[in-house]
Each structure stands twice: as structure tokens, then as C-alpha cells.
Amino acid sequence: MSILTIILNILLPPLAVFMKHGLGVTFLISLLLTALGWIPGVIHAFLVNGTR
């Protein structure tokens, strides 16, 4: 995981997921979780971007 990805995971979780996986279900889940609360979005971004 690059330093840019880590920074984006923290500041803009949906953008980080979009850059790694494109538009799709994963991006929509990240967008929804970030809208519900910033922390769930960050956790999801780290989990999704760290596993692949």
C-alpha cells in the first residue's frame, strides 16, 4: 500500500476505493459508509485496499 493510498484512506475513503477498484459495489459501499459516519468509511477503505 502506497503512502498516497494511506492518506486517501484517511481523508477521502471513497476516492481511495475508487482509485483502486473503480466504480462498482465496493465503491458504493464505501460511499454509503462514509456518508453514515467517517470512521466506518475509513475502516472499510483500509480493509478493502489492504487485502488486494
PDB file of N, CA and C in Angstrom:
ATOM      1  N   MET A   1       0.843  -1.160   0.000  1.00  0.00           N
ATOM      2  CA  MET A   1       0.000   0.000   0.000  1.00  0.00           C
ATOM      3  C   MET A   1       0.898   1.236   0.000  1.00  0.00           C
ATOM      4  N   SER A   2       0.651   2.146  -0.930  1.00  0.00           N
ATOM      5  CA  SER A   2       1.486   3.341  -1.038  1.00  0.00           C
ATOM      6  C   SER A   2       1.065   4.396  -0.021  1.00  0.00           C
ATOM      7  N   ILE A   3       1.917   5.363   0.179  1.00  0.00           N
ATOM      8  CA  ILE A   3       1.634   6.436   1.123  1.00  0.00           C
ATOM      9  C   ILE A   3       0.441   7.259   0.647  1.00  0.00           C
ATOM     10  N   LEU A   4       0.289   7.433  -0.667  1.00  0.00           N
ATOM     11  CA  LEU A   4      -0.860   8.155  -1.210  1.00  0.00           C
ATOM     12  C   LEU A   4      -2.154   7.433  -0.874  1.00  0.00           C
ATOM     13  N   THR A   5      -2.164   6.119  -0.996  1.00  0.00           N
ATOM     14  CA  THR A   5      -3.355   5.333  -0.672  1.00  0.00           C
ATOM     15  C   THR A   5      -3.698   5.455   0.803  1.00  0.00           C
ATOM     16  N   ILE A   6      -2.705   5.440   1.664  1.00  0.00           N
ATOM     17  CA  ILE A   6      -2.941   5.567   3.101  1.00  0.00           C
ATOM     18  C   ILE A   6      -3.546   6.931   3.428  1.00  0.00           C
ATOM     19  N   ILE A   7      -2.995   7.977   2.835  1.00  0.00           N
ATOM     20  CA  ILE A   7      -3.515   9.325   3.079  1.00  0.00           C
ATOM     21  C   ILE A   7      -4.949   9.445   2.574  1.00  0.00           C
ATOM     22  N   LEU A   8      -5.210   8.921   1.373  1.00  0.00           N
ATOM     23  CA  LEU A   8      -6.572   8.978   0.835  1.00  0.00           C
ATOM     24  C   LEU A   8      -7.537   8.116   1.635  1.00  0.00           C
ATOM     25  N   ASN A   9      -7.075   6.988   2.145  1.00  0.00           N
ATOM     26  CA  ASN A   9      -7.926   6.158   3.001  1.00  0.00           C
ATOM     27  C   ASN A   9      -8.405   6.943   4.208  1.00  0.00           C
ATOM     28  N   ILE A  10      -7.562   7.810   4.725  1.00  0.00           N
ATOM     29  CA  ILE A  10      -7.912   8.583   5.916  1.00  0.00           C
ATOM     30  C   ILE A  10      -8.750   9.812   5.554  1.00  0.00           C
ATOM     31  N   LEU A  11      -8.339  10.546   4.533  1.00  0.00           N
ATOM     32  CA  LEU A  11      -9.016  11.809   4.212  1.00  0.00           C
ATOM     33  C   LEU A  11     -10.273  11.626   3.364  1.00  0.00           C
ATOM     34  N   LEU A  12     -10.193  10.823   2.328  1.00  0.00           N
ATOM     35  CA  LEU A  12     -11.308  10.627   1.393  1.00  0.00           C
ATOM     36  C   LEU A  12     -11.461   9.139   1.062  1.00  0.00           C
ATOM     37  N   PRO A  13     -12.057   8.378   1.957  1.00  0.00           N
ATOM     38  CA  PRO A  13     -12.150   6.933   1.753  1.00  0.00           C
ATOM     39  C   PRO A  13     -12.795   6.504   0.424  1.00  0.00           C
ATOM     40  N   PRO A  14     -13.896   7.133  -0.018  1.00  0.00           N
ATOM     41  CA  PRO A  14     -14.473   6.686  -1.297  1.00  0.00           C
ATOM     42  C   PRO A  14     -13.534   6.909  -2.494  1.00  0.00           C
ATOM     43  N   LEU A  15     -12.778   7.988  -2.472  1.00  0.00           N
ATOM     44  CA  LEU A  15     -11.833   8.249  -3.560  1.00  0.00           C
ATOM     45  C   LEU A  15     -10.728   7.199  -3.587  1.00  0.00           C
ATOM     46  N   ALA A  16     -10.252   6.807  -2.423  1.00  0.00           N
ATOM     47  CA  ALA A  16      -9.217   5.773  -2.350  1.00  0.00           C
ATOM     48  C   ALA A  16      -9.732   4.445  -2.902  1.00  0.00           C
ATOM     49  N   VAL A  17     -10.965   4.098  -2.550  1.00  0.00           N
ATOM     50  CA  VAL A  17     -11.554   2.854  -3.049  1.00  0.00           C
ATOM     51  C   VAL A  17     -11.786   2.950  -4.555  1.00  0.00           C
ATOM     52  N   PHE A  18     -12.243   4.105  -5.028  1.00  0.00           N
ATOM     53  CA  PHE A  18     -12.459   4.291  -6.461  1.00  0.00           C
ATOM     54  C   PHE A  18     -11.163   4.153  -7.246  1.00  0.00           C
ATOM     55  N   MET A  19     -10.075   4.721  -6.738  1.00  0.00           N
ATOM     56  CA  MET A  19      -8.798   4.653  -7.450  1.00  0.00           C
ATOM     57  C   MET A  19      -8.283   3.222  -7.550  1.00  0.00           C
ATOM     58  N   LYS A  20      -8.601   2.390  -6.574  1.00  0.00           N
ATOM     59  CA  LYS A  20      -8.103   1.008  -6.568  1.00  0.00           C
ATOM     60  C   LYS A  20      -9.046   0.049  -7.298  1.00  0.00           C
ATOM     61  N   HIS A  21     -10.364   0.250  -7.143  1.00  0.00           N
ATOM     62  CA  HIS A  21     -11.334  -0.731  -7.644  1.00  0.00           C
ATOM     63  C   HIS A  21     -12.294  -0.197  -8.705  1.00  0.00           C
ATOM     64  N   GLY A  22     -12.312   1.103  -8.946  1.00  0.00           N
ATOM     65  CA  GLY A  22     -13.218   1.682  -9.931  1.00  0.00           C
ATOM     66  C   GLY A  22     -14.642   1.757  -9.397  1.00  0.00           C
ATOM     67  N   LEU A  23     -15.554   2.131 -10.306  1.00  0.00           N
ATOM     68  CA  LEU A  23     -16.960   2.208  -9.928  1.00  0.00           C
ATOM     69  C   LEU A  23     -17.529   0.805  -9.824  1.00  0.00           C
ATOM     70  N   GLY A  24     -18.215   0.559  -8.749  1.00  0.00           N
ATOM     71  CA  GLY A  24     -18.799  -0.761  -8.532  1.00  0.00           C
ATOM     72  C   GLY A  24     -19.412  -0.831  -7.158  1.00  0.00           C
ATOM     73  N   VAL A  25     -19.724  -2.031  -6.752  1.00  0.00           N
ATOM     74  CA  VAL A  25     -20.376  -2.245  -5.467  1.00  0.00           C
ATOM     75  C   VAL A  25     -19.473  -1.817  -4.314  1.00  0.00           C
ATOM     76  N   THR A  26     -18.190  -2.091  -4.420  1.00  0.00           N
ATOM     77  CA  THR A  26     -17.261  -1.732  -3.354  1.00  0.00           C
ATOM     78  C   THR A  26     -17.222  -0.220  -3.156  1.00  0.00           C
ATOM     79  N   PHE A  27     -17.219   0.528  -4.249  1.00  0.00           N
ATOM     80  CA  PHE A  27     -17.230   1.987  -4.169  1.00  0.00           C
ATOM     81  C   PHE A  27     -18.522   2.489  -3.531  1.00  0.00           C
ATOM     82  N   LEU A  28     -19.647   1.911  -3.924  1.00  0.00           N
ATOM     83  CA  LEU A  28     -20.928   2.342  -3.371  1.00  0.00           C
ATOM     84  C   LEU A  28     -21.030   2.050  -1.879  1.00  0.00           C
ATOM     85  N   ILE A  29     -20.512   0.911  -1.459  1.00  0.00           N
ATOM     86  CA  ILE A  29     -20.493   0.587  -0.028  1.00  0.00           C
ATOM     87  C   ILE A  29     -19.622   1.590   0.721  1.00  0.00           C
ATOM     88  N   SER A  30     -18.482   1.925   0.159  1.00  0.00           N
ATOM     89  CA  SER A  30     -17.604   2.901   0.793  1.00  0.00           C
ATOM     90  C   SER A  30     -18.274   4.265   0.876  1.00  0.00           C
ATOM     91  N   LEU A  31     -18.952   4.669  -0.175  1.00  0.00           N
ATOM     92  CA  LEU A  31     -19.656   5.944  -0.189  1.00  0.00           C
ATOM     93  C   LEU A  31     -20.755   5.973   0.872  1.00  0.00           C
ATOM     94  N   LEU A  32     -21.514   4.900   0.979  1.00  0.00           N
ATOM     95  CA  LEU A  32     -22.586   4.806   1.966  1.00  0.00           C
ATOM     96  C   LEU A  32     -22.039   4.831   3.390  1.00  0.00           C
ATOM     97  N   LEU A  33     -20.997   4.057   3.641  1.00  0.00           N
ATOM     98  CA  LEU A  33     -20.413   4.022   4.982  1.00  0.00           C
ATOM     99  C   LEU A  33     -19.813   5.369   5.376  1.00  0.00           C
ATOM    100  N   THR A  34     -19.201   6.052   4.425  1.00  0.00           N
ATOM    101  CA  THR A  34     -18.636   7.365   4.713  1.00  0.00           C
ATOM    102  C   THR A  34     -19.741   8.384   4.974  1.00  0.00           C
ATOM    103  N   ALA A  35     -20.858   8.265   4.260  1.00  0.00           N
ATOM    104  CA  ALA A  35     -21.988   9.172   4.488  1.00  0.00           C
ATOM    105  C   ALA A  35     -22.617   8.925   5.860  1.00  0.00           C
ATOM    106  N   LEU A  36     -22.633   7.681   6.305  1.00  0.00           N
ATOM    107  CA  LEU A  36     -23.194   7.351   7.610  1.00  0.00           C
ATOM    108  C   LEU A  36     -22.276   7.774   8.753  1.00  0.00           C
ATOM    109  N   GLY A  37     -21.014   7.771   8.494  1.00  0.00           N
ATOM    110  CA  GLY A  37     -20.031   8.160   9.506  1.00  0.00           C
ATOM    111  C   GLY A  37     -18.644   8.004   8.933  1.00  0.00           C
ATOM    112  N   TRP A  38     -17.791   8.954   9.207  1.00  0.00           N
ATOM    113  CA  TRP A  38     -16.470   8.959   8.605  1.00  0.00           C
ATOM    114  C   TRP A  38     -15.649   7.736   9.013  1.00  0.00           C
ATOM    115  N   ILE A  39     -15.700   7.351  10.273  1.00  0.00           N
ATOM    116  CA  ILE A  39     -14.899   6.228  10.782  1.00  0.00           C
ATOM    117  C   ILE A  39     -15.244   4.907  10.075  1.00  0.00           C
ATOM    118  N   PRO A  40     -16.524   4.558   9.909  1.00  0.00           N
ATOM    119  CA  PRO A  40     -16.812   3.318   9.172  1.00  0.00           C
ATOM    120  C   PRO A  40     -16.275   3.340   7.734  1.00  0.00           C
ATOM    121  N   GLY A  41     -16.300   4.504   7.106  1.00  0.00           N
ATOM    122  CA  GLY A  41     -15.748   4.626   5.759  1.00  0.00           C
ATOM    123  C   GLY A  41     -14.253   4.405   5.719  1.00  0.00           C
ATOM    124  N   VAL A  42     -13.557   4.939   6.706  1.00  0.00           N
ATOM    125  CA  VAL A  42     -12.102   4.772   6.791  1.00  0.00           C
ATOM    126  C   VAL A  42     -11.751   3.307   7.043  1.00  0.00           C
ATOM    127  N   ILE A  43     -12.460   2.681   7.963  1.00  0.00           N
ATOM    128  CA  ILE A  43     -12.203   1.265   8.262  1.00  0.00           C
ATOM    129  C   ILE A  43     -12.435   0.412   7.023  1.00  0.00           C
ATOM    130  N   HIS A  44     -13.533   0.657   6.320  1.00  0.00           N
ATOM    131  CA  HIS A  44     -13.826  -0.108   5.109  1.00  0.00           C
ATOM    132  C   HIS A  44     -12.752   0.111   4.048  1.00  0.00           C
ATOM    133  N   ALA A  45     -12.317   1.345   3.875  1.00  0.00           N
ATOM    134  CA  ALA A  45     -11.289   1.652   2.869  1.00  0.00           C
ATOM    135  C   ALA A  45      -9.987   0.911   3.185  1.00  0.00           C
ATOM    136  N   PHE A  46      -9.587   0.902   4.452  1.00  0.00           N
ATOM    137  CA  PHE A  46      -8.361   0.190   4.818  1.00  0.00           C
ATOM    138  C   PHE A  46      -8.514  -1.314   4.609  1.00  0.00           C
ATOM    139  N   LEU A  47      -9.667  -1.856   4.961  1.00  0.00           N
ATOM    140  CA  LEU A  47      -9.883  -3.296   4.781  1.00  0.00           C
ATOM    141  C   LEU A  47      -9.879  -3.681   3.300  1.00  0.00           C
ATOM    142  N   VAL A  48     -10.558  -2.925   2.488  1.00  0.00           N
ATOM    143  CA  VAL A  48     -10.673  -3.252   1.066  1.00  0.00           C
ATOM    144  C   VAL A  48      -9.360  -3.010   0.336  1.00  0.00           C
ATOM    145  N   ASN A  49      -8.701  -1.898   0.598  1.00  0.00           N
ATOM    146  CA  ASN A  49      -7.467  -1.573  -0.125  1.00  0.00           C
ATOM    147  C   ASN A  49      -6.268  -2.349   0.397  1.00  0.00           C
ATOM    148  N   GLY A  50      -6.336  -2.830   1.591  1.00  0.00           N
ATOM    149  CA  GLY A  50      -5.214  -3.567   2.157  1.00  0.00           C
ATOM    150  C   GLY A  50      -5.208  -5.047   1.789  1.00  0.00           C
ATOM    151  N   THR A  51      -6.360  -5.592   1.379  1.00  0.00           N
ATOM    152  CA  THR A  51      -6.444  -7.025   1.124  1.00  0.00           C
ATOM    153  C   THR A  51      -6.060  -7.391  -0.294  1.00  0.00           C
ATOM    154  N   ARG A  52      -6.066  -6.468  -1.206  1.00  0.00           N
ATOM    155  CA  ARG A  52      -5.766  -6.808  -2.613  1.00  0.00           C
ATOM    156  C   ARG A  52      -4.489  -6.199  -3.060  1.00  0.00           C
TER     157      ARG A  52
END
